[in-house]
Amino acid sequence: MPLWFFPALVGILAAASLLAGIWLMLHPRDVAAVFARHSSGELARGPGKRRASNGAVWTAIILFNAGWIGALVVWLFVMGGDANLVTDASL
């Protein structure tokens, strides 16, 4: 693998996590609606029309968590020195 592979992979995973996190912050009513318990009334969706589906919210949550966890795993792999065996550093 070339030298730029691992930094690019961390960058892609971080960008995906960032974009999913921004989307989640822009849709707080939809996130609240996914986790709302209708009987207890602890979380209630605010007024207005709901725009995002439950599937879209869950996809964003999964993408957000997969992005930062994947970036952390790649970073630990690189910092531990295990990536030296698969990286071609010759010029």
C-alpha atoms as a PDB file:
ATOM      1  CA  MET A   1       0.000   0.000   0.000  1.00  0.00           C
ATOM      2  CA  PRO A   2       1.255   3.509  -0.686  1.00  0.00           C
ATOM      3  CA  LEU A   3       2.128   5.911   2.122  1.00  0.00           C
ATOM      4  CA  TRP A   4      -0.966   8.045   1.581  1.00  0.00           C
ATOM      5  CA  PHE A   5      -3.445   5.172   2.062  1.00  0.00           C
ATOM      6  CA  PHE A   6      -3.869   5.282   5.841  1.00  0.00           C
ATOM      7  CA  PRO A   7      -4.105   9.082   6.161  1.00  0.00           C
ATOM      8  CA  ALA A   8      -6.628   9.128   3.330  1.00  0.00           C
ATOM      9  CA  LEU A   9      -8.647   6.362   4.988  1.00  0.00           C
ATOM     10  CA  VAL A  10      -8.709   8.253   8.295  1.00  0.00           C
ATOM     11  CA  GLY A  11      -9.710  11.410   6.423  1.00  0.00           C
ATOM     12  CA  ILE A  12     -12.575   9.694   4.616  1.00  0.00           C
ATOM     13  CA  LEU A  13     -13.856   8.088   7.822  1.00  0.00           C
ATOM     14  CA  ALA A  14     -13.567  11.371   9.729  1.00  0.00           C
ATOM     15  CA  ALA A  15     -15.367  13.267   6.960  1.00  0.00           C
ATOM     16  CA  ALA A  16     -18.184  10.705   6.913  1.00  0.00           C
ATOM     17  CA  SER A  17     -18.537  10.953  10.683  1.00  0.00           C
ATOM     18  CA  LEU A  18     -18.488  14.750  10.513  1.00  0.00           C
ATOM     19  CA  LEU A  19     -21.158  14.912   7.812  1.00  0.00           C
ATOM     20  CA  ALA A  20     -23.396  12.428   9.626  1.00  0.00           C
ATOM     21  CA  GLY A  21     -22.940  14.349  12.882  1.00  0.00           C
ATOM     22  CA  ILE A  22     -23.879  17.631  11.204  1.00  0.00           C
ATOM     23  CA  TRP A  23     -26.950  15.993   9.673  1.00  0.00           C
ATOM     24  CA  LEU A  24     -27.977  14.664  13.086  1.00  0.00           C
ATOM     25  CA  MET A  25     -27.533  18.107  14.647  1.00  0.00           C
ATOM     26  CA  LEU A  26     -29.703  19.651  11.929  1.00  0.00           C
ATOM     27  CA  HIS A  27     -32.510  17.114  12.564  1.00  0.00           C
ATOM     28  CA  PRO A  28     -32.937  17.040  16.356  1.00  0.00           C
ATOM     29  CA  ARG A  29     -36.725  16.592  16.213  1.00  0.00           C
ATOM     30  CA  ASP A  30     -36.338  13.494  14.080  1.00  0.00           C
ATOM     31  CA  VAL A  31     -33.721  12.040  16.435  1.00  0.00           C
ATOM     32  CA  ALA A  32     -36.010  12.743  19.395  1.00  0.00           C
ATOM     33  CA  ALA A  33     -38.895  11.059  17.603  1.00  0.00           C
ATOM     34  CA  VAL A  34     -36.841   7.891  17.078  1.00  0.00           C
ATOM     35  CA  PHE A  35     -35.976   7.627  20.772  1.00  0.00           C
ATOM     36  CA  ALA A  36     -39.285   8.900  22.157  1.00  0.00           C
ATOM     37  CA  ARG A  37     -41.316   6.722  24.467  1.00  0.00           C
ATOM     38  CA  HIS A  38     -44.900   7.502  23.663  1.00  0.00           C
ATOM     39  CA  SER A  39     -46.238   6.339  27.023  1.00  0.00           C
ATOM     40  CA  SER A  40     -43.902   8.216  29.395  1.00  0.00           C
ATOM     41  CA  GLY A  41     -43.605  11.489  27.490  1.00  0.00           C
ATOM     42  CA  GLU A  42     -39.966  12.100  28.446  1.00  0.00           C
ATOM     43  CA  LEU A  43     -38.916  13.008  24.926  1.00  0.00           C
ATOM     44  CA  ALA A  44     -41.419  14.744  22.732  1.00  0.00           C
ATOM     45  CA  ARG A  45     -40.998  15.876  19.170  1.00  0.00           C
ATOM     46  CA  GLY A  46     -41.459  19.610  18.741  1.00  0.00           C
ATOM     47  CA  PRO A  47     -44.093  21.232  16.582  1.00  0.00           C
ATOM     48  CA  GLY A  48     -43.786  21.110  12.844  1.00  0.00           C
ATOM     49  CA  LYS A  49     -43.784  18.495  10.137  1.00  0.00           C
ATOM     50  CA  ARG A  50     -41.413  15.566  10.498  1.00  0.00           C
ATOM     51  CA  ARG A  51     -39.147  15.376   7.479  1.00  0.00           C
ATOM     52  CA  ALA A  52     -36.683  12.510   7.956  1.00  0.00           C
ATOM     53  CA  SER A  53     -37.649   8.867   8.240  1.00  0.00           C
ATOM     54  CA  ASN A  54     -36.563   6.595  11.065  1.00  0.00           C
ATOM     55  CA  GLY A  55     -34.358   4.726   8.617  1.00  0.00           C
ATOM     56  CA  ALA A  56     -32.528   7.911   7.653  1.00  0.00           C
ATOM     57  CA  VAL A  57     -31.932   8.769  11.299  1.00  0.00           C
ATOM     58  CA  TRP A  58     -30.631   5.279  12.097  1.00  0.00           C
ATOM     59  CA  THR A  59     -28.415   5.357   8.998  1.00  0.00           C
ATOM     60  CA  ALA A  60     -26.902   8.667  10.122  1.00  0.00           C
ATOM     61  CA  ILE A  61     -26.341   7.356  13.651  1.00  0.00           C
ATOM     62  CA  ILE A  62     -24.668   4.193  12.345  1.00  0.00           C
ATOM     63  CA  LEU A  63     -22.530   6.155   9.868  1.00  0.00           C
ATOM     64  CA  PHE A  64     -21.499   8.629  12.568  1.00  0.00           C
ATOM     65  CA  ASN A  65     -20.419   5.905  14.976  1.00  0.00           C
ATOM     66  CA  ALA A  66     -18.805   3.719  12.318  1.00  0.00           C
ATOM     67  CA  GLY A  67     -16.806   6.703  11.059  1.00  0.00           C
ATOM     68  CA  TRP A  68     -15.211   7.714  14.336  1.00  0.00           C
ATOM     69  CA  ILE A  69     -14.703   4.131  15.518  1.00  0.00           C
ATOM     70  CA  GLY A  70     -13.135   3.178  12.177  1.00  0.00           C
ATOM     71  CA  ALA A  71     -10.850   6.218  12.234  1.00  0.00           C
ATOM     72  CA  LEU A  72      -9.789   5.343  15.779  1.00  0.00           C
ATOM     73  CA  VAL A  73      -9.046   1.726  14.809  1.00  0.00           C
ATOM     74  CA  VAL A  74      -6.983   2.795  11.783  1.00  0.00           C
ATOM     75  CA  TRP A  75      -5.113   5.361  13.887  1.00  0.00           C
ATOM     76  CA  LEU A  76      -4.321   2.733  16.559  1.00  0.00           C
ATOM     77  CA  PHE A  77      -3.200   0.320  13.825  1.00  0.00           C
ATOM     78  CA  VAL A  78      -0.833   2.937  12.409  1.00  0.00           C
ATOM     79  CA  MET A  79       0.440   4.186  15.765  1.00  0.00           C
ATOM     80  CA  GLY A  80       1.092   0.644  16.970  1.00  0.00           C
ATOM     81  CA  GLY A  81       3.500   0.081  14.098  1.00  0.00           C
ATOM     82  CA  ASP A  82       1.508  -2.740  12.500  1.00  0.00           C
ATOM     83  CA  ALA A  83       0.970  -0.662   9.372  1.00  0.00           C
ATOM     84  CA  ASN A  84       4.702  -0.627   8.660  1.00  0.00           C
ATOM     85  CA  LEU A  85       4.541  -4.205   7.432  1.00  0.00           C
ATOM     86  CA  VAL A  86       1.933  -3.480   4.740  1.00  0.00           C
ATOM     87  CA  THR A  87       3.131  -0.006   3.689  1.00  0.00           C
ATOM     88  CA  ASP A  88       5.561   0.369   0.820  1.00  0.00           C
ATOM     89  CA  ALA A  89       7.784   3.262   1.892  1.00  0.00           C
ATOM     90  CA  SER A  90      10.444   2.805  -0.786  1.00  0.00           C
ATOM     91  CA  LEU A  91      10.962   5.596  -3.261  1.00  0.00           C
END
